[in-house]
Structures are given as structure tokens and as C-alpha cells.
Protein backbone atom coordinates (compact mmCIF):
# COMPACT_ATOMS: atom_id res chain seq x y z
CA UNK A 1 -43.89 43.89 -25.00
CA UNK A 2 -41.13 41.02 -25.24
CA UNK A 3 -40.19 42.40 -28.91
CA UNK A 4 -40.12 46.02 -28.01
CA UNK A 5 -37.78 45.32 -25.29
CA UNK A 6 -35.24 43.95 -27.91
CA UNK A 7 -35.41 46.58 -30.09
CA UNK A 8 -34.74 49.27 -27.55
CA UNK A 9 -31.36 48.50 -26.66
CA UNK A 10 -30.56 48.05 -30.28
CA UNK A 11 -31.71 51.06 -31.09
CA UNK A 12 -29.94 52.57 -28.48
CA UNK A 13 -26.63 50.97 -29.28
CA UNK A 14 -26.83 51.55 -33.03
CA UNK A 15 -26.94 55.74 -32.05
CA UNK A 16 -24.31 55.11 -29.37
CA UNK A 17 -21.85 53.97 -32.48
CA UNK A 18 -22.78 56.57 -34.38
CA UNK A 19 -21.95 59.10 -31.68
CA UNK A 20 -19.13 57.72 -31.06
CA UNK A 21 -17.62 57.46 -34.58
CA UNK A 22 -18.66 60.89 -35.45
CA UNK A 23 -17.21 62.16 -31.92
CA UNK A 24 -13.62 60.15 -33.34
CA UNK A 25 -13.97 61.83 -36.78
CA UNK A 26 -14.83 65.32 -35.26
CA UNK A 27 -11.37 65.05 -33.61
CA UNK A 28 -9.02 64.09 -36.16
CA UNK A 29 -10.25 67.09 -38.11
CA UNK A 30 -10.26 69.51 -35.21
CA UNK A 31 -6.44 67.94 -34.74
CA UNK A 32 -5.52 68.41 -38.83
CA UNK A 33 -7.01 72.20 -38.33
CA UNK A 34 -4.84 73.16 -35.55
CA UNK A 35 -1.97 71.90 -37.65
CA UNK A 36 -0.40 69.07 -36.06
CA UNK A 37 3.28 68.11 -36.40
CA UNK A 38 2.57 65.54 -38.92
CA UNK A 39 0.98 67.95 -41.27
CA UNK A 40 3.34 70.95 -40.78
CA UNK A 41 6.50 68.77 -41.34
CA UNK A 42 4.81 67.89 -44.26
CA UNK A 43 4.37 71.04 -45.48
CA UNK A 44 7.83 72.22 -44.50
CA UNK A 45 9.84 69.89 -46.58
CA UNK A 46 7.90 71.07 -50.07
CA UNK A 47 9.89 73.15 -52.04
CA UNK A 48 11.91 76.01 -50.74
CA UNK A 49 13.03 73.84 -47.62
CA UNK A 50 14.48 71.00 -49.48
CA UNK A 51 17.11 73.26 -51.05
CA UNK A 52 17.87 76.83 -49.31
CA UNK A 53 16.75 75.66 -45.42
CA UNK A 54 18.05 72.42 -44.25
CA UNK A 55 19.38 69.92 -46.79
CA UNK A 56 17.30 66.48 -47.07
CA UNK A 57 18.74 64.29 -44.14
CA UNK A 58 17.45 60.97 -42.58
CA UNK A 59 14.87 61.54 -40.63
CA UNK A 60 13.99 59.40 -37.55
CA UNK A 61 11.29 56.90 -38.09
CA UNK A 62 9.70 58.71 -35.18
CA UNK A 63 10.07 62.17 -32.89
CA UNK A 64 10.84 62.24 -29.79
CA UNK A 65 8.39 62.83 -26.86
CA UNK A 66 9.53 65.74 -24.82
CA UNK A 67 12.49 65.11 -23.22
CA UNK A 68 11.96 64.16 -19.52
CA UNK A 69 10.24 61.03 -21.20
CA UNK A 70 12.80 58.08 -22.19
CA UNK A 71 11.35 57.02 -25.37
CA UNK A 72 13.84 54.22 -25.80
CA UNK A 73 13.32 51.40 -22.79
CA UNK A 74 16.36 48.80 -23.76
CA UNK A 75 18.32 47.02 -21.62
CA UNK A 76 21.21 49.55 -19.46
CA UNK A 77 24.60 48.82 -20.40
CA UNK A 78 26.35 51.36 -18.92
CA UNK A 79 29.42 49.79 -18.57
CA UNK A 80 29.71 49.87 -22.47
CA UNK A 81 29.88 54.11 -22.66
CA UNK A 82 32.59 53.55 -25.28
CA UNK A 83 30.71 51.73 -27.75
CA UNK A 84 28.41 54.54 -28.22
CA UNK A 85 30.61 57.07 -29.56
CA UNK A 86 32.19 57.15 -32.89
CA UNK A 87 35.13 59.40 -32.71
CA UNK A 88 37.51 60.77 -30.21
CA UNK A 89 35.16 61.30 -27.66
CA UNK A 90 34.75 57.94 -26.83
CA UNK A 91 38.32 58.16 -24.72
CA UNK A 92 37.51 59.92 -21.91
CA UNK A 93 33.25 58.83 -21.31
CA UNK A 94 35.15 57.28 -18.01
CA UNK A 95 36.69 60.20 -16.72
CA UNK A 96 37.38 59.91 -13.24
CA UNK A 97 35.45 63.66 -12.37
CA UNK A 98 37.47 63.42 -8.88
CA UNK A 99 40.58 64.94 -10.72
CA UNK A 100 38.50 67.88 -12.96
CA UNK A 101 39.31 70.67 -11.05
CA UNK A 102 36.83 73.36 -11.73
CA UNK A 103 34.44 73.49 -14.38
CA UNK A 104 34.54 75.36 -17.65
CA UNK A 105 31.67 76.82 -18.62
CA UNK A 106 29.26 74.34 -20.50
CA UNK A 107 28.88 74.96 -24.18
CA UNK A 108 25.49 74.54 -25.57
CA UNK A 109 25.11 73.75 -29.02
CA UNK A 110 22.16 74.55 -30.84
CA UNK A 111 19.99 73.50 -34.16
CA UNK A 112 18.16 76.04 -35.73
CA UNK A 113 14.97 75.06 -38.28
CA UNK A 114 12.27 72.85 -36.38
CA UNK A 115 14.45 73.49 -33.10
CA UNK A 116 14.58 77.62 -32.56
CA UNK A 117 12.37 78.29 -35.18
CA UNK A 118 10.48 76.83 -38.82
CA UNK A 119 10.54 78.90 -41.82
CA UNK A 120 8.90 78.41 -44.91
CA UNK A 121 9.01 80.34 -48.34
CA UNK A 122 6.33 82.99 -48.74
CA UNK A 123 4.89 82.15 -51.51
CA UNK A 124 4.16 78.74 -50.46
CA UNK A 125 3.08 79.06 -46.62
CA UNK A 126 -0.58 77.88 -47.15
CA UNK A 127 -2.65 80.94 -45.32
CA UNK A 128 -4.93 78.90 -43.24
CA UNK A 129 -1.07 77.48 -41.57
CA UNK A 130 -0.18 81.46 -41.20
CA UNK A 131 -3.35 82.68 -39.66
CA UNK A 132 -3.60 79.74 -36.78
CA UNK A 133 -0.06 80.62 -36.39
CA UNK A 134 -0.90 84.34 -35.91
CA UNK A 135 -4.06 83.55 -33.87
CA UNK A 136 -1.67 81.35 -31.49
CA UNK A 137 0.27 84.09 -30.72
CA UNK A 138 3.74 82.74 -32.05
CA UNK A 139 6.19 85.54 -33.02
CA UNK A 140 7.35 86.10 -36.88
CA UNK A 141 8.86 87.94 -39.17
CA UNK A 142 9.44 88.20 -43.13
CA UNK A 143 12.86 87.97 -44.16
CA UNK A 144 14.44 88.30 -47.45
CA UNK A 145 17.70 86.65 -48.24
CA UNK A 146 20.31 87.09 -50.59
CA UNK A 147 21.71 84.12 -52.17
CA UNK A 148 24.91 84.62 -53.46
CA UNK A 149 24.58 82.50 -56.42
CA UNK A 150 23.28 84.84 -59.29
CA UNK A 151 20.66 84.39 -61.91
CA UNK A 152 21.31 83.61 -65.40
CA UNK A 153 21.30 87.55 -66.02
CA UNK A 154 23.62 88.38 -63.23
CA UNK A 155 20.85 89.26 -60.79
CA UNK A 156 21.11 88.06 -57.34
CA UNK A 157 18.92 85.45 -56.26
CA UNK A 158 16.86 86.58 -53.74
CA UNK A 159 14.19 84.35 -51.47
CA UNK A 160 11.56 85.80 -49.36
CA UNK A 161 11.12 83.90 -45.95
CA UNK A 162 8.66 83.92 -43.12
CA UNK A 163 9.56 82.65 -40.11
CA UNK A 164 7.93 81.51 -36.63
CA UNK A 165 9.62 81.76 -33.75
CA UNK A 166 9.06 79.19 -31.39
CA UNK A 167 7.61 80.34 -28.18
CA UNK A 168 9.79 81.43 -25.53
CA UNK A 169 12.18 81.45 -27.87
CA UNK A 170 14.38 84.86 -26.89
CA UNK A 171 13.89 84.26 -23.31
CA UNK A 172 15.68 80.91 -23.74
CA UNK A 173 18.38 82.34 -24.98
CA UNK A 174 18.80 84.97 -22.39
CA UNK A 175 18.59 82.39 -19.57
CA UNK A 176 20.56 79.88 -21.29
CA UNK A 177 23.57 82.03 -21.95
CA UNK A 178 23.66 82.81 -18.46
CA UNK A 179 25.38 80.01 -17.81
CA UNK A 180 26.56 78.07 -20.71
CA UNK A 181 28.19 79.38 -24.30
CA UNK A 182 26.25 79.45 -26.81
CA UNK A 183 26.44 78.21 -30.80
CA UNK A 184 24.57 78.08 -33.27
CA UNK A 185 25.24 74.98 -35.86
CA UNK A 186 23.06 74.63 -38.73
CA UNK A 187 22.86 72.54 -41.99
CA UNK A 188 20.76 75.34 -43.59
CA UNK A 189 22.74 77.81 -45.72
CA UNK A 190 24.82 80.80 -44.16
CA UNK A 191 22.85 83.10 -46.90
CA UNK A 192 19.31 81.86 -45.14
CA UNK A 193 20.95 81.22 -41.73
CA UNK A 194 22.72 84.36 -40.99
CA UNK A 195 20.14 87.22 -41.23
CA UNK A 196 17.54 85.14 -39.75
CA UNK A 197 19.65 84.64 -36.71
CA UNK A 198 20.48 88.00 -36.66
CA UNK A 199 16.75 88.72 -36.26
CA UNK A 200 16.25 86.26 -32.87
CA UNK A 201 19.18 87.05 -31.15
CA UNK A 202 18.68 90.64 -30.16
CA UNK A 203 20.77 90.06 -27.33
CA UNK A 204 23.76 89.17 -28.99
CA UNK A 205 23.88 85.59 -26.58
CA UNK A 206 24.89 83.64 -29.57
CA UNK A 207 28.99 83.49 -29.40
CA UNK A 208 29.99 81.48 -32.93
CA UNK A 209 28.03 80.27 -35.86
CA UNK A 210 28.47 76.88 -38.14
CA UNK A 211 26.70 76.61 -41.15
CA UNK A 212 26.45 74.11 -43.76
CA UNK A 213 29.87 73.58 -44.98
CA UNK A 214 31.16 72.70 -41.51
CA UNK A 215 28.77 69.78 -41.29
CA UNK A 216 30.20 66.35 -42.63
CA UNK A 217 29.28 63.13 -45.00
CA UNK A 218 29.17 60.19 -43.32
CA UNK A 219 28.67 56.45 -44.20
CA UNK A 220 24.58 56.83 -43.09
CA UNK A 221 23.73 59.78 -43.90
CA UNK A 222 25.76 63.44 -44.87
CA UNK A 223 25.39 67.00 -42.94
CA UNK A 224 26.14 65.52 -39.85
CA UNK A 225 27.82 68.28 -36.89
CA UNK A 226 30.65 66.98 -35.66
CA UNK A 227 31.10 68.95 -32.30
CA UNK A 228 35.36 68.19 -32.49
CA UNK A 229 35.17 71.01 -34.50
CA UNK A 230 34.15 73.26 -31.51
CA UNK A 231 35.59 71.84 -29.09
CA UNK A 232 38.56 68.58 -28.03
CA UNK A 233 37.15 68.63 -24.61
CA UNK A 234 33.53 67.12 -24.76
CA UNK A 235 32.71 66.44 -21.49
CA UNK A 236 31.05 69.69 -20.86
CA UNK A 237 29.35 70.25 -24.33
CA UNK A 238 25.77 69.35 -25.41
CA UNK A 239 23.67 69.55 -28.71
CA UNK A 240 19.94 69.75 -29.26
CA UNK A 241 18.76 69.06 -32.18
CA UNK A 242 15.26 67.71 -33.78
CA UNK A 243 17.03 65.75 -36.04
CA UNK A 244 18.99 62.72 -34.01
CA UNK A 245 20.84 62.11 -37.09
CA UNK A 246 22.57 64.88 -36.62
CA UNK A 247 24.79 64.05 -33.34
CA UNK A 248 25.48 60.62 -34.83
CA UNK A 249 29.41 61.17 -34.54
CA UNK A 250 28.84 62.30 -30.86
CA UNK A 251 25.44 60.37 -29.82
CA UNK A 252 26.36 60.96 -25.89
CA UNK A 253 26.28 64.69 -25.92
CA UNK A 254 22.79 64.91 -27.99
CA UNK A 255 19.86 66.35 -26.67
CA UNK A 256 16.75 65.36 -29.28
CA UNK A 257 14.30 67.66 -28.92
CA UNK A 258 10.78 67.61 -30.60
CA UNK A 259 10.13 69.14 -34.07
CA UNK A 260 8.34 72.72 -34.35
CA UNK A 261 5.99 74.10 -36.51
CA UNK A 262 4.06 76.63 -37.36
CA UNK A 263 0.60 74.80 -36.18
CA UNK A 264 2.25 74.28 -32.49
CA UNK A 265 1.47 77.51 -31.05
CA UNK A 266 1.16 75.91 -27.46
CA UNK A 267 4.23 74.17 -27.54
CA UNK A 268 6.60 74.57 -24.14
CA UNK A 269 9.82 72.75 -25.23
CA UNK A 270 12.47 75.49 -25.12
CA UNK A 271 11.44 77.23 -21.32
CA UNK A 272 9.67 74.21 -19.77
CA UNK A 273 11.52 71.19 -20.81
CA UNK A 274 14.88 72.07 -22.44
CA UNK A 275 15.98 74.81 -20.12
CA UNK A 276 15.18 72.73 -16.24
CA UNK A 277 17.32 69.86 -18.42
CA UNK A 278 20.17 72.45 -19.27
CA UNK A 279 20.13 73.84 -15.84
CA UNK A 280 20.71 70.30 -14.60
CA UNK A 281 23.55 69.47 -17.13
CA UNK A 282 25.49 72.75 -16.26
CA UNK A 283 25.93 70.97 -12.83
CA UNK A 284 27.46 68.14 -13.98
CA UNK A 285 31.06 67.44 -14.57
CA UNK A 286 30.53 64.86 -17.47
CA UNK A 287 27.27 65.57 -18.85
CA UNK A 288 27.58 62.70 -20.90
CA UNK A 289 26.67 59.49 -18.80
CA UNK A 290 23.58 61.69 -17.54
CA UNK A 291 22.58 62.01 -21.15
CA UNK A 292 23.20 58.13 -21.72
CA UNK A 293 21.06 57.33 -18.71
CA UNK A 294 18.48 59.43 -20.14
CA UNK A 295 18.27 58.83 -24.01
CA UNK A 296 20.44 55.70 -24.43
CA UNK A 297 21.11 57.22 -27.72
CA UNK A 298 23.69 54.75 -28.86
CA UNK A 299 21.05 51.69 -28.74
CA UNK A 300 18.66 54.22 -30.89
CA UNK A 301 21.15 54.01 -33.77
CA UNK A 302 21.43 50.70 -33.14
CA UNK A 303 17.66 50.18 -33.62
CA UNK A 304 18.06 52.34 -37.02
CA UNK A 305 20.24 50.28 -38.90
CA UNK A 306 23.26 51.95 -37.31
CA UNK A 307 26.28 49.62 -35.50
CA UNK A 308 27.23 51.72 -32.63
CA UNK A 309 31.28 51.69 -33.56
CA UNK A 310 30.21 52.96 -37.35
CA UNK A 311 33.21 54.04 -39.18
CA UNK A 312 32.71 58.03 -39.06
CA UNK A 313 33.59 59.04 -42.62
């Protein structure tokens, strides 16, 4: 009996170990089949996206967590906020709000790809990903983009794109448009972005659009979005982008958001995370101190090897 008593616990332990391993393997398999962000992002950077939609540009080593959570916990050095700015905006960070008479309508600058929508060249879209997105209830549509570049025989270059809308997109645009001026700023080409935005902005809430030619090149990356081409007064201007390098020149105006892909049917960033934050910021005379306390973007750039006082151009 003594020998049998020793064998039973070992057998149970082996079975438990096997069950735990199988459970872990099954969980990983389920995540892959559901289209995790890492898988979707890998698919989204194949083929068409690299040329016609969005250009290749520096990407953060890891995605930000949902916006209410500050990813970077560094020593707070808010007394030196101007070190985080590159360009003209740094002169106004510590402005005395008591001298600010009345508040202009806040300006919200929105990125397009992986922020409001995700798009794939139709021929390169895996059927399993399309099926998952449709089953999850994502709104989608097919888009025919006629490029201004001609083919060798002189015929127009036509690209067929499948676009998935981020959940709550149209309601988000409508609600934010009630208290802010909406501007689209994308590094994508106009031939692709213009007809796409025509489809999603059904209520005509977006007042202006800026495309790839409006971006600038810097020492640390190309296609950076300089907000001074929109407004010289950045006290009440924010930019929402899944790629923080997009607001390299004005880090204190940036709101990094979680990237969106077709595999994220349960995404709630627009209505549950971004909308409440933008409502809060709309009540501020200067949005930058609030965004600094929340995201510490100057330190984030320093962690990625970009000095806070880096030369802009």
C-alpha cells in the first residue's frame, strides 16, 4: 500500500500537468483564430498597405494600453514641460489660463488607418479574417480607388479595397462633432483616403482633410503630422493616432490609441474610451498639461531614443 500511495499522487500530478499544458495551448489557438492584434497587424502590413494606404514609418515597440491607463510610469517632471515640445508650441505650455477670455471650439485631429478603420487590398484579404469580422458584426464595404498614376498602357490604376469600420465609428464622429471641430489627417494617399472618408463621414462632420503631402520628414521618421499646418494656437488642439510617432513634433497634443484591426470585433475604444476623454478635454483651456499627466509622451519618445529637444527637420 505504501508503494501505491506514492504512485497515485504522481499520476495525478502528471495528468494535471498535461491538462494545464493542453489548456494553455488551446487558449493560444483561440487567440490566433480570433485574429489577435499582432496577427492582424502582421496581415495589414503585407502588400497593398505598404504602398497605397499608409507609408512605412517608425512604430512603437509595443501598443499602448486603453487610454485611461498610463503605460509609462516615469518620474513626473511637469515643471519642465517645454522640453517635450519640438517647434512653436513650446512657448505656450505654461500660459496663464486666467488671461484666457472664452474658449474656442476644440479641434480634434483624427488619423484614419488603424484608428477609425482598417483596410486591406481585397485580393490579399484572408477569407478567415473576413469571416471573423463579419461574424463579429463589423460594418464593412468594398471600395474602388482610382489612382492618379497611370499604368504603362495609359489606363488608370484601379485598386479594390475592403474597409472595416471601427465599432461605433459613425456615432463617434457625430457626437464629437457636437463639441469639437473634426479634421482628418492621414499619411495615406488622397486617391485612397478621399473616397473612403466620403463613405464613413455620412453626416459631413469632418470639416477639413489633410493627406500624405501635408506630412513632413524629420530626422527620426518620415510622414510626421505637424499640427501647425492646421492651427498656430495648439492650446485646444489634440491629435488621435494609433502611431505615436505621428505627433512627434507636438507630443503634448497627442492621444495614442490602441490600433484597430478586423480581428477586433469587440473593440470599444471610440465610444467608451476616446469619447469620454475628448469630452473632458473640451472643458480645458489648455489640453496639454492634462495630456502630459496622462501619457508622459516626451518621456516615451526619450525611451525610444528620441531626445526631447530634437531638431524637428
